[in-house]
Protein backbone atom coordinates (compact mmCIF):
# COMPACT_ATOMS: atom_id res chain seq x y z
CA UNK A 1 14.59 -19.25 13.74
CA UNK A 2 11.81 -19.23 11.35
CA UNK A 3 12.14 -17.78 7.73
CA UNK A 4 8.08 -17.49 7.67
CA UNK A 5 7.88 -13.78 8.69
CA UNK A 6 11.01 -12.68 6.96
CA UNK A 7 9.68 -10.16 4.20
CA UNK A 8 11.29 -11.63 1.23
CA UNK A 9 12.77 -8.97 -1.52
CA UNK A 10 9.61 -10.20 -3.59
CA UNK A 11 6.77 -9.47 -1.61
CA UNK A 12 4.30 -7.46 -2.89
CA UNK A 13 1.16 -5.50 -1.29
CA UNK A 14 -2.59 -4.69 -2.98
CA UNK A 15 -3.04 -1.09 -3.59
CA UNK A 16 -5.44 0.46 -1.54
CA UNK A 17 -7.28 1.51 -4.23
CA UNK A 18 -7.18 -0.37 -7.59
CA UNK A 19 -6.03 -3.81 -5.71
CA UNK A 20 -3.06 -4.01 -8.16
CA UNK A 21 -0.33 -6.46 -6.59
CA UNK A 22 3.10 -4.21 -6.31
CA UNK A 23 6.48 -5.02 -4.74
CA UNK A 24 6.67 -3.53 -1.37
CA UNK A 25 9.69 -2.01 -1.93
CA UNK A 26 8.09 0.59 -4.55
CA UNK A 27 4.89 1.35 -2.98
CA UNK A 28 3.79 4.66 -1.67
CA UNK A 29 3.32 4.32 2.15
CA UNK A 30 0.63 6.40 4.06
CA UNK A 31 0.20 5.52 8.00
CA UNK A 32 -3.55 5.87 8.43
CA UNK A 33 -4.63 5.68 12.05
CA UNK A 34 -3.32 2.29 13.28
CA UNK A 35 -2.12 0.91 10.06
CA UNK A 36 -0.12 1.46 6.76
CA UNK A 37 -2.15 2.12 3.27
CA UNK A 38 -0.11 1.26 0.03
CA UNK A 39 -0.68 2.99 -3.09
CA UNK A 40 0.79 2.22 -6.80
CA UNK A 41 1.40 5.50 -7.53
CA UNK A 42 0.57 9.21 -6.82
CA UNK A 43 -2.62 8.65 -9.15
CA UNK A 44 -4.06 6.29 -6.76
CA UNK A 45 -3.19 8.29 -3.92
CA UNK A 46 -4.86 11.17 -4.97
CA UNK A 47 -7.94 9.31 -5.83
CA UNK A 48 -8.37 7.96 -2.21
CA UNK A 49 -7.46 11.65 -0.69
CA UNK A 50 -10.34 12.78 -2.93
CA UNK A 51 -13.05 10.03 -1.96
CA UNK A 52 -11.74 9.88 2.01
CA UNK A 53 -12.55 13.85 2.28
CA UNK A 54 -16.05 13.56 0.35
CA UNK A 55 -16.85 11.09 3.20
């Protein structure tokens, strides 16, 4: 069995707004249509919501 697709405890994801790399375990997740968005905190999430609503 391959460990390539197995997430590690140090796996990171980029914040959807500021692109800061954050541990997946600490990311705030939002499901959007067919994919998952990640945010480093509520400030970036709020900014994303405001930008999304203005389009």
